[in-house]
Amino acid sequence: MNLKNLSVVLVESRGERNIGSVARAMANFGVTDLRLVAPKVDHLDDEARKMAVKASVLLEQATVYPDLQAALNDCHFAYATTRRFGKYRVDFHHPDSAAAQLLPLLDSGRVAMVFGREDKGLKTEELDLCQRLITIPTGGSIASMNLAQSVVICLYEVAKQHGEACGKGQKGRRLATVEDLEILFAHMRDTFLKIRYLNHQNPEHIMRSYRQIFGRAALDDREVRILRGLVSEIDRVEDERCALLGTDDGND
């Protein structure tokens, strides 16, 4: 279970001190890959360094991305943290169960834990890029937690279970990257629209269910290729049907 394959991703962080505190927490638990998506502050500011203490090197090594998809393209699995619930925000992990599922995946490729904006969290379309959701079960009058505290809780569970389960990882299976999954989902969306399986006015309603289904399955490279082959076969059959009917796209 290789903790070097675990990435912490912060989306549009607004607090230098929060970023510094996250870096310190990562150093506490042996996680080294910090990714910042369009940060609103300078992560190398003195305030960030003060909070990072001896983990300033993680701030210096942090990579900055323009958007979440770019930050996740080389990742094979991603967990998004959220406090909001709704139609597309279901089937949550708590940090302990997420850690139990996450640890074996680290032997198969890079895994990301994604944390949203301090004030607004993650958008639905950002959650779409992640395969599973994590929520911290708070019970007080204030439901949402401070960003750095949330990272500490999630990394603590990973570190605790890593110590208990070291050597029990699932090996020999390479998970598909987020980039490959997004290519698959785009292919599915186009094909399902073409055969009128999806509602053209709200295609994401059903596609989000597919994202959740395949997120739970933790698809590997071969499984993605099989699914793309299936969708390509649907394309071929639909093209033949349209040719027989004398139409271009099957919508007549």
C-alpha atoms as a PDB file:
ATOM      1  CA  MET A   1       0.000   0.000   0.000  1.00  0.00           C
ATOM      2  CA  ASN A   2       2.027   2.871  -1.365  1.00  0.00           C
ATOM      3  CA  LEU A   3       1.112   6.199   0.260  1.00  0.00           C
ATOM      4  CA  LYS A   4       3.227   7.935  -2.387  1.00  0.00           C
ATOM      5  CA  ASN A   5       0.346   7.186  -4.752  1.00  0.00           C
ATOM      6  CA  LEU A   6      -2.085   9.238  -2.654  1.00  0.00           C
ATOM      7  CA  SER A   7      -2.706  12.839  -3.749  1.00  0.00           C
ATOM      8  CA  VAL A   8      -4.452  15.575  -1.789  1.00  0.00           C
ATOM      9  CA  VAL A   9      -6.251  17.993  -4.118  1.00  0.00           C
ATOM     10  CA  LEU A  10      -7.505  21.385  -2.907  1.00  0.00           C
ATOM     11  CA  VAL A  11      -9.926  23.239  -5.168  1.00  0.00           C
ATOM     12  CA  GLU A  12      -9.812  27.051  -5.259  1.00  0.00           C
ATOM     13  CA  SER A  13      -8.509  27.418  -1.726  1.00  0.00           C
ATOM     14  CA  ARG A  14      -8.867  30.913  -0.304  1.00  0.00           C
ATOM     15  CA  GLY A  15      -6.736  30.662   2.843  1.00  0.00           C
ATOM     16  CA  GLU A  16      -2.942  30.623   2.954  1.00  0.00           C
ATOM     17  CA  ARG A  17      -3.062  29.282   6.512  1.00  0.00           C
ATOM     18  CA  ASN A  18      -5.369  26.458   5.482  1.00  0.00           C
ATOM     19  CA  ILE A  19      -3.036  25.382   2.696  1.00  0.00           C
ATOM     20  CA  GLY A  20      -0.082  25.460   5.080  1.00  0.00           C
ATOM     21  CA  SER A  21      -1.989  23.427   7.665  1.00  0.00           C
ATOM     22  CA  VAL A  22      -2.897  20.844   5.020  1.00  0.00           C
ATOM     23  CA  ALA A  23       0.773  20.504   4.066  1.00  0.00           C
ATOM     24  CA  ARG A  24       1.693  19.920   7.706  1.00  0.00           C
ATOM     25  CA  ALA A  25      -1.026  17.273   8.086  1.00  0.00           C
ATOM     26  CA  MET A  26       0.209  15.522   4.952  1.00  0.00           C
ATOM     27  CA  ALA A  27       3.740  15.426   6.376  1.00  0.00           C
ATOM     28  CA  ASN A  28       2.352  14.059   9.646  1.00  0.00           C
ATOM     29  CA  PHE A  29       0.814  11.082   7.848  1.00  0.00           C
ATOM     30  CA  GLY A  30       3.407  10.404   5.148  1.00  0.00           C
ATOM     31  CA  VAL A  31       1.539  11.832   2.149  1.00  0.00           C
ATOM     32  CA  THR A  32       3.620  14.012  -0.168  1.00  0.00           C
ATOM     33  CA  ASP A  33       1.661  14.905  -3.331  1.00  0.00           C
ATOM     34  CA  LEU A  34      -0.220  18.199  -2.909  1.00  0.00           C
ATOM     35  CA  ARG A  35      -2.219  19.488  -5.884  1.00  0.00           C
ATOM     36  CA  LEU A  36      -3.804  22.941  -5.979  1.00  0.00           C
ATOM     37  CA  VAL A  37      -6.611  23.735  -8.409  1.00  0.00           C
ATOM     38  CA  ALA A  38      -6.808  27.435  -9.293  1.00  0.00           C
ATOM     39  CA  PRO A  39      -5.858  28.633  -5.782  1.00  0.00           C
ATOM     40  CA  LYS A  40      -7.081  32.100  -4.869  1.00  0.00           C
ATOM     41  CA  VAL A  41      -4.012  32.858  -2.756  1.00  0.00           C
ATOM     42  CA  ASP A  42      -0.250  32.368  -2.955  1.00  0.00           C
ATOM     43  CA  HIS A  43       0.523  28.973  -1.448  1.00  0.00           C
ATOM     44  CA  LEU A  44       4.145  30.057  -0.915  1.00  0.00           C
ATOM     45  CA  ASP A  45       3.106  33.074   1.183  1.00  0.00           C
ATOM     46  CA  ASP A  46       4.696  33.521   4.623  1.00  0.00           C
ATOM     47  CA  GLU A  47       1.392  32.675   6.361  1.00  0.00           C
ATOM     48  CA  ALA A  48       1.242  29.317   4.556  1.00  0.00           C
ATOM     49  CA  ARG A  49       4.861  28.564   5.440  1.00  0.00           C
ATOM     50  CA  LYS A  50       4.287  29.419   9.105  1.00  0.00           C
ATOM     51  CA  MET A  51       1.429  26.943   9.344  1.00  0.00           C
ATOM     52  CA  ALA A  52       3.328  24.273   7.398  1.00  0.00           C
ATOM     53  CA  VAL A  53       6.289  24.551   9.833  1.00  0.00           C
ATOM     54  CA  LYS A  54       8.736  21.842   8.653  1.00  0.00           C
ATOM     55  CA  ALA A  55       6.468  20.803   5.774  1.00  0.00           C
ATOM     56  CA  SER A  56       7.230  23.894   3.662  1.00  0.00           C
ATOM     57  CA  VAL A  57       8.933  21.584   1.158  1.00  0.00           C
ATOM     58  CA  LEU A  58       5.493  20.168   0.297  1.00  0.00           C
ATOM     59  CA  LEU A  59       4.310  23.688  -0.518  1.00  0.00           C
ATOM     60  CA  GLU A  60       7.319  24.200  -2.760  1.00  0.00           C
ATOM     61  CA  GLN A  61       6.726  20.876  -4.521  1.00  0.00           C
ATOM     62  CA  ALA A  62       2.967  21.418  -4.894  1.00  0.00           C
ATOM     63  CA  THR A  63       1.621  21.469  -8.441  1.00  0.00           C
ATOM     64  CA  VAL A  64      -0.970  24.001  -9.611  1.00  0.00           C
ATOM     65  CA  TYR A  65      -3.692  23.151 -12.154  1.00  0.00           C
ATOM     66  CA  PRO A  66      -6.259  25.307 -13.982  1.00  0.00           C
ATOM     67  CA  ASP A  67      -9.183  22.976 -13.230  1.00  0.00           C
ATOM     68  CA  LEU A  68     -10.022  19.749 -11.433  1.00  0.00           C
ATOM     69  CA  GLN A  69     -10.011  17.535 -14.510  1.00  0.00           C
ATOM     70  CA  ALA A  70      -6.435  18.547 -15.285  1.00  0.00           C
ATOM     71  CA  ALA A  71      -5.454  17.723 -11.697  1.00  0.00           C
ATOM     72  CA  LEU A  72      -7.059  14.269 -11.919  1.00  0.00           C
ATOM     73  CA  ASN A  73      -6.073  13.210 -15.436  1.00  0.00           C
ATOM     74  CA  ASP A  74      -3.246  10.933 -14.276  1.00  0.00           C
ATOM     75  CA  CYS A  75      -5.203   9.599 -11.287  1.00  0.00           C
ATOM     76  CA  HIS A  76      -6.869   6.190 -11.369  1.00  0.00           C
ATOM     77  CA  PHE A  77      -9.484   6.814  -8.687  1.00  0.00           C
ATOM     78  CA  ALA A  78     -10.759   9.896  -6.878  1.00  0.00           C
ATOM     79  CA  TYR A  79     -12.748  10.515  -3.718  1.00  0.00           C
ATOM     80  CA  ALA A  80     -14.580  13.825  -3.336  1.00  0.00           C
ATOM     81  CA  THR A  81     -15.495  15.279   0.037  1.00  0.00           C
ATOM     82  CA  THR A  82     -18.849  17.025   0.464  1.00  0.00           C
ATOM     83  CA  ARG A  83     -21.349  18.025   3.136  1.00  0.00           C
ATOM     84  CA  ARG A  84     -24.272  18.600   0.790  1.00  0.00           C
ATOM     85  CA  PHE A  85     -26.781  15.904  -0.022  1.00  0.00           C
ATOM     86  CA  GLY A  86     -29.139  15.624  -2.985  1.00  0.00           C
ATOM     87  CA  LYS A  87     -30.255  13.690  -6.046  1.00  0.00           C
ATOM     88  CA  TYR A  88     -26.715  13.266  -7.380  1.00  0.00           C
ATOM     89  CA  ARG A  89     -24.995  13.137  -3.988  1.00  0.00           C
ATOM     90  CA  VAL A  90     -25.740   9.659  -2.688  1.00  0.00           C
ATOM     91  CA  ASP A  91     -23.913   6.521  -1.537  1.00  0.00           C
ATOM     92  CA  PHE A  92     -21.459   8.253   0.780  1.00  0.00           C
ATOM     93  CA  HIS A  93     -18.417   6.874   2.556  1.00  0.00           C
ATOM     94  CA  HIS A  94     -17.376   8.048   5.979  1.00  0.00           C
ATOM     95  CA  PRO A  95     -13.618   8.622   6.284  1.00  0.00           C
ATOM     96  CA  ASP A  96     -12.995   5.205   7.877  1.00  0.00           C
ATOM     97  CA  SER A  97     -14.792   3.182   5.198  1.00  0.00           C
ATOM     98  CA  ALA A  98     -13.248   5.335   2.466  1.00  0.00           C
ATOM     99  CA  ALA A  99      -9.787   4.609   3.877  1.00  0.00           C
ATOM    100  CA  ALA A 100     -10.508   0.869   3.947  1.00  0.00           C
ATOM    101  CA  GLN A 101     -11.516   0.934   0.279  1.00  0.00           C
ATOM    102  CA  LEU A 102      -8.812   3.382  -0.766  1.00  0.00           C
ATOM    103  CA  LEU A 103      -5.750   1.631   0.634  1.00  0.00           C
ATOM    104  CA  PRO A 104      -5.752  -1.445  -1.637  1.00  0.00           C
ATOM    105  CA  LEU A 105      -6.234   0.828  -4.648  1.00  0.00           C
ATOM    106  CA  LEU A 106      -2.899   2.535  -3.963  1.00  0.00           C
ATOM    107  CA  ASP A 107      -1.099  -0.546  -5.252  1.00  0.00           C
ATOM    108  CA  SER A 108      -2.940  -0.214  -8.569  1.00  0.00           C
ATOM    109  CA  GLY A 109      -2.335   3.455  -9.351  1.00  0.00           C
ATOM    110  CA  ARG A 110      -2.703   7.030  -8.135  1.00  0.00           C
ATOM    111  CA  VAL A 111      -5.670   7.869  -5.902  1.00  0.00           C
ATOM    112  CA  ALA A 112      -6.834  11.413  -5.121  1.00  0.00           C
ATOM    113  CA  MET A 113      -8.744  12.835  -2.187  1.00  0.00           C
ATOM    114  CA  VAL A 114     -10.423  16.045  -3.351  1.00  0.00           C
ATOM    115  CA  PHE A 115     -11.414  18.852  -0.995  1.00  0.00           C
ATOM    116  CA  GLY A 116     -13.565  21.773  -2.120  1.00  0.00           C
ATOM    117  CA  ARG A 117     -13.733  25.498  -1.512  1.00  0.00           C
ATOM    118  CA  GLU A 118     -13.867  26.675   2.080  1.00  0.00           C
ATOM    119  CA  ASP A 119     -17.158  28.514   1.488  1.00  0.00           C
ATOM    120  CA  LYS A 120     -18.959  26.534  -1.231  1.00  0.00           C
ATOM    121  CA  GLY A 121     -17.382  23.087  -1.410  1.00  0.00           C
ATOM    122  CA  LEU A 122     -17.343  21.216  -4.729  1.00  0.00           C
ATOM    123  CA  LYS A 123     -19.694  21.775  -7.647  1.00  0.00           C
ATOM    124  CA  THR A 124     -21.803  18.907  -8.998  1.00  0.00           C
ATOM    125  CA  GLU A 125     -19.787  18.775 -12.216  1.00  0.00           C
ATOM    126  CA  GLU A 126     -16.613  18.452 -10.122  1.00  0.00           C
ATOM    127  CA  LEU A 127     -18.135  15.606  -8.149  1.00  0.00           C
ATOM    128  CA  ASP A 128     -18.830  13.932 -11.499  1.00  0.00           C
ATOM    129  CA  LEU A 129     -15.079  13.590 -12.029  1.00  0.00           C
ATOM    130  CA  CYS A 130     -14.730  11.539  -8.835  1.00  0.00           C
ATOM    131  CA  GLN A 131     -15.803   7.944  -8.362  1.00  0.00           C
ATOM    132  CA  ARG A 132     -16.848   8.011  -4.702  1.00  0.00           C
ATOM    133  CA  LEU A 133     -17.999  10.598  -2.156  1.00  0.00           C
ATOM    134  CA  ILE A 134     -16.836  11.110   1.428  1.00  0.00           C
ATOM    135  CA  THR A 135     -18.740  12.964   4.118  1.00  0.00           C
ATOM    136  CA  ILE A 136     -17.644  13.549   7.708  1.00  0.00           C
ATOM    137  CA  PRO A 137     -20.586  12.781  10.034  1.00  0.00           C
ATOM    138  CA  THR A 138     -20.678  15.918  12.168  1.00  0.00           C
ATOM    139  CA  GLY A 139     -23.502  16.258  14.668  1.00  0.00           C
ATOM    140  CA  GLY A 140     -23.266  19.794  16.012  1.00  0.00           C
ATOM    141  CA  SER A 141     -24.972  23.024  15.043  1.00  0.00           C
ATOM    142  CA  ILE A 142     -22.345  23.684  12.343  1.00  0.00           C
ATOM    143  CA  ALA A 143     -22.289  20.871   9.807  1.00  0.00           C
ATOM    144  CA  SER A 144     -19.303  21.833   7.653  1.00  0.00           C
ATOM    145  CA  MET A 145     -15.751  21.585   8.973  1.00  0.00           C
ATOM    146  CA  ASN A 146     -12.681  23.704   8.425  1.00  0.00           C
ATOM    147  CA  LEU A 147     -10.763  22.597   5.324  1.00  0.00           C
ATOM    148  CA  ALA A 148      -7.563  21.652   7.116  1.00  0.00           C
ATOM    149  CA  GLN A 149      -9.466  19.791   9.846  1.00  0.00           C
ATOM    150  CA  SER A 150     -11.288  17.773   7.200  1.00  0.00           C
ATOM    151  CA  VAL A 151      -7.996  16.794   5.584  1.00  0.00           C
ATOM    152  CA  VAL A 152      -6.565  15.777   8.969  1.00  0.00           C
ATOM    153  CA  ILE A 153      -9.533  13.490   9.719  1.00  0.00           C
ATOM    154  CA  CYS A 154      -9.401  11.792   6.311  1.00  0.00           C
ATOM    155  CA  LEU A 155      -5.630  11.312   6.357  1.00  0.00           C
ATOM    156  CA  TYR A 156      -5.720  10.060   9.949  1.00  0.00           C
ATOM    157  CA  GLU A 157      -8.087   7.255   8.929  1.00  0.00           C
ATOM    158  CA  VAL A 158      -5.853   6.378   5.983  1.00  0.00           C
ATOM    159  CA  ALA A 159      -2.730   6.317   8.168  1.00  0.00           C
ATOM    160  CA  LYS A 160      -4.411   4.308  10.936  1.00  0.00           C
ATOM    161  CA  GLN A 161      -5.717   1.645   8.610  1.00  0.00           C
ATOM    162  CA  HIS A 162      -2.479   1.617   6.637  1.00  0.00           C
ATOM    163  CA  GLY A 163      -0.685   0.644   9.837  1.00  0.00           C
ATOM    164  CA  GLU A 164      -3.240  -2.088  10.570  1.00  0.00           C
ATOM    165  CA  ALA A 165      -3.529  -3.532   7.076  1.00  0.00           C
ATOM    166  CA  CYS A 166      -0.061  -3.081   5.587  1.00  0.00           C
ATOM    167  CA  GLY A 167       0.702  -5.815   3.097  1.00  0.00           C
ATOM    168  CA  LYS A 168      -2.906  -6.741   2.359  1.00  0.00           C
ATOM    169  CA  GLY A 169      -3.243  -4.597  -0.765  1.00  0.00           C
ATOM    170  CA  GLN A 170      -4.785  -5.772  -4.005  1.00  0.00           C
ATOM    171  CA  LYS A 171      -1.981  -6.179  -6.535  1.00  0.00           C
ATOM    172  CA  GLY A 172      -1.659  -6.842 -10.226  1.00  0.00           C
ATOM    173  CA  ARG A 173      -4.673  -4.772 -11.319  1.00  0.00           C
ATOM    174  CA  ARG A 174      -4.134  -1.380 -12.927  1.00  0.00           C
ATOM    175  CA  LEU A 175      -7.077   0.952 -12.476  1.00  0.00           C
ATOM    176  CA  ALA A 176      -8.216   3.165 -15.328  1.00  0.00           C
ATOM    177  CA  THR A 177      -7.226   6.825 -15.080  1.00  0.00           C
ATOM    178  CA  VAL A 178      -9.777   9.601 -14.667  1.00  0.00           C
ATOM    179  CA  GLU A 179      -8.816  10.755 -18.161  1.00  0.00           C
ATOM    180  CA  ASP A 180      -9.692   7.329 -19.617  1.00  0.00           C
ATOM    181  CA  LEU A 181     -12.948   7.246 -17.650  1.00  0.00           C
ATOM    182  CA  GLU A 182     -13.926  10.676 -18.968  1.00  0.00           C
ATOM    183  CA  ILE A 183     -13.263   9.482 -22.529  1.00  0.00           C
ATOM    184  CA  LEU A 184     -15.500   6.471 -21.855  1.00  0.00           C
ATOM    185  CA  PHE A 185     -18.282   8.624 -20.383  1.00  0.00           C
ATOM    186  CA  ALA A 186     -18.117  11.091 -23.279  1.00  0.00           C
ATOM    187  CA  HIS A 187     -18.361   8.181 -25.746  1.00  0.00           C
ATOM    188  CA  MET A 188     -21.325   6.703 -23.841  1.00  0.00           C
ATOM    189  CA  ARG A 189     -23.061  10.079 -23.697  1.00  0.00           C
ATOM    190  CA  ASP A 190     -22.719  10.691 -27.442  1.00  0.00           C
ATOM    191  CA  THR A 191     -23.886   7.194 -28.333  1.00  0.00           C
ATOM    192  CA  PHE A 192     -26.784   7.156 -25.888  1.00  0.00           C
ATOM    193  CA  LEU A 193     -27.958  10.510 -27.243  1.00  0.00           C
ATOM    194  CA  LYS A 194     -27.717   9.180 -30.787  1.00  0.00           C
ATOM    195  CA  ILE A 195     -29.924   6.176 -30.017  1.00  0.00           C
ATOM    196  CA  ARG A 196     -32.265   8.415 -27.986  1.00  0.00           C
ATOM    197  CA  TYR A 197     -31.663   6.535 -24.754  1.00  0.00           C
ATOM    198  CA  LEU A 198     -30.870   9.806 -22.997  1.00  0.00           C
ATOM    199  CA  ASN A 199     -33.085  12.839 -22.681  1.00  0.00           C
ATOM    200  CA  HIS A 200     -31.456  15.485 -24.902  1.00  0.00           C
ATOM    201  CA  GLN A 201     -32.505  18.225 -22.494  1.00  0.00           C
ATOM    202  CA  ASN A 202     -30.966  16.557 -19.428  1.00  0.00           C
ATOM    203  CA  PRO A 203     -28.548  13.802 -20.471  1.00  0.00           C
ATOM    204  CA  GLU A 204     -26.513  14.062 -17.271  1.00  0.00           C
ATOM    205  CA  HIS A 205     -29.412  12.777 -15.155  1.00  0.00           C
ATOM    206  CA  ILE A 206     -28.846   9.179 -16.278  1.00  0.00           C
ATOM    207  CA  MET A 207     -25.124   9.590 -16.951  1.00  0.00           C
ATOM    208  CA  ARG A 208     -24.509  10.444 -13.302  1.00  0.00           C
ATOM    209  CA  SER A 209     -26.047   7.099 -12.355  1.00  0.00           C
ATOM    210  CA  TYR A 210     -23.596   5.356 -14.687  1.00  0.00           C
ATOM    211  CA  ARG A 211     -20.760   7.320 -13.092  1.00  0.00           C
ATOM    212  CA  GLN A 212     -21.841   6.082  -9.673  1.00  0.00           C
ATOM    213  CA  ILE A 213     -22.214   2.485 -10.847  1.00  0.00           C
ATOM    214  CA  PHE A 214     -18.779   2.401 -12.479  1.00  0.00           C
ATOM    215  CA  GLY A 215     -17.275   4.359  -9.593  1.00  0.00           C
ATOM    216  CA  ARG A 216     -18.275   1.605  -7.200  1.00  0.00           C
ATOM    217  CA  ALA A 217     -16.812  -0.968  -9.586  1.00  0.00           C
ATOM    218  CA  ALA A 218     -13.353   0.712  -9.683  1.00  0.00           C
ATOM    219  CA  LEU A 219     -12.817  -0.113 -13.359  1.00  0.00           C
ATOM    220  CA  ASP A 220      -9.427  -1.204 -14.594  1.00  0.00           C
ATOM    221  CA  ASP A 221      -7.893  -0.506 -18.019  1.00  0.00           C
ATOM    222  CA  ARG A 222      -9.188  -3.727 -19.556  1.00  0.00           C
ATOM    223  CA  GLU A 223     -12.730  -3.169 -18.309  1.00  0.00           C
ATOM    224  CA  VAL A 224     -12.780   0.328 -19.800  1.00  0.00           C
ATOM    225  CA  ARG A 225     -11.639  -1.087 -23.141  1.00  0.00           C
ATOM    226  CA  ILE A 226     -14.386  -3.728 -22.994  1.00  0.00           C
ATOM    227  CA  LEU A 227     -17.030  -1.088 -22.288  1.00  0.00           C
ATOM    228  CA  ARG A 228     -15.762   1.165 -25.061  1.00  0.00           C
ATOM    229  CA  GLY A 229     -15.888  -1.840 -27.389  1.00  0.00           C
ATOM    230  CA  LEU A 230     -19.511  -2.414 -26.438  1.00  0.00           C
ATOM    231  CA  VAL A 231     -20.397   1.239 -27.061  1.00  0.00           C
ATOM    232  CA  SER A 232     -18.543   1.137 -30.400  1.00  0.00           C
ATOM    233  CA  GLU A 233     -20.598  -1.889 -31.387  1.00  0.00           C
ATOM    234  CA  ILE A 234     -23.774   0.038 -30.553  1.00  0.00           C
ATOM    235  CA  ASP A 235     -22.450   2.830 -32.803  1.00  0.00           C
ATOM    236  CA  ARG A 236     -21.879   0.360 -35.635  1.00  0.00           C
ATOM    237  CA  VAL A 237     -25.355  -1.175 -35.369  1.00  0.00           C
ATOM    238  CA  GLU A 238     -26.980   2.257 -35.188  1.00  0.00           C
ATOM    239  CA  ASP A 239     -25.030   3.459 -38.236  1.00  0.00           C
ATOM    240  CA  GLU A 240     -26.192   0.397 -40.199  1.00  0.00           C
ATOM    241  CA  ARG A 241     -29.782   0.995 -39.094  1.00  0.00           C
ATOM    242  CA  CYS A 242     -29.615   4.622 -40.176  1.00  0.00           C
ATOM    243  CA  ALA A 243     -28.125   3.614 -43.538  1.00  0.00           C
ATOM    244  CA  LEU A 244     -30.991   1.196 -44.138  1.00  0.00           C
ATOM    245  CA  LEU A 245     -33.525   3.876 -43.243  1.00  0.00           C
ATOM    246  CA  GLY A 246     -31.741   6.467 -45.342  1.00  0.00           C
ATOM    247  CA  THR A 247     -31.111   8.811 -42.418  1.00  0.00           C
ATOM    248  CA  ASP A 248     -27.930  10.390 -41.100  1.00  0.00           C
ATOM    249  CA  ASP A 249     -28.315  10.155 -37.347  1.00  0.00           C
ATOM    250  CA  GLY A 250     -31.240   7.936 -36.486  1.00  0.00           C
ATOM    251  CA  ASN A 251     -33.379  10.823 -35.247  1.00  0.00           C
ATOM    252  CA  ASP A 252     -35.882  10.849 -38.123  1.00  0.00           C
END
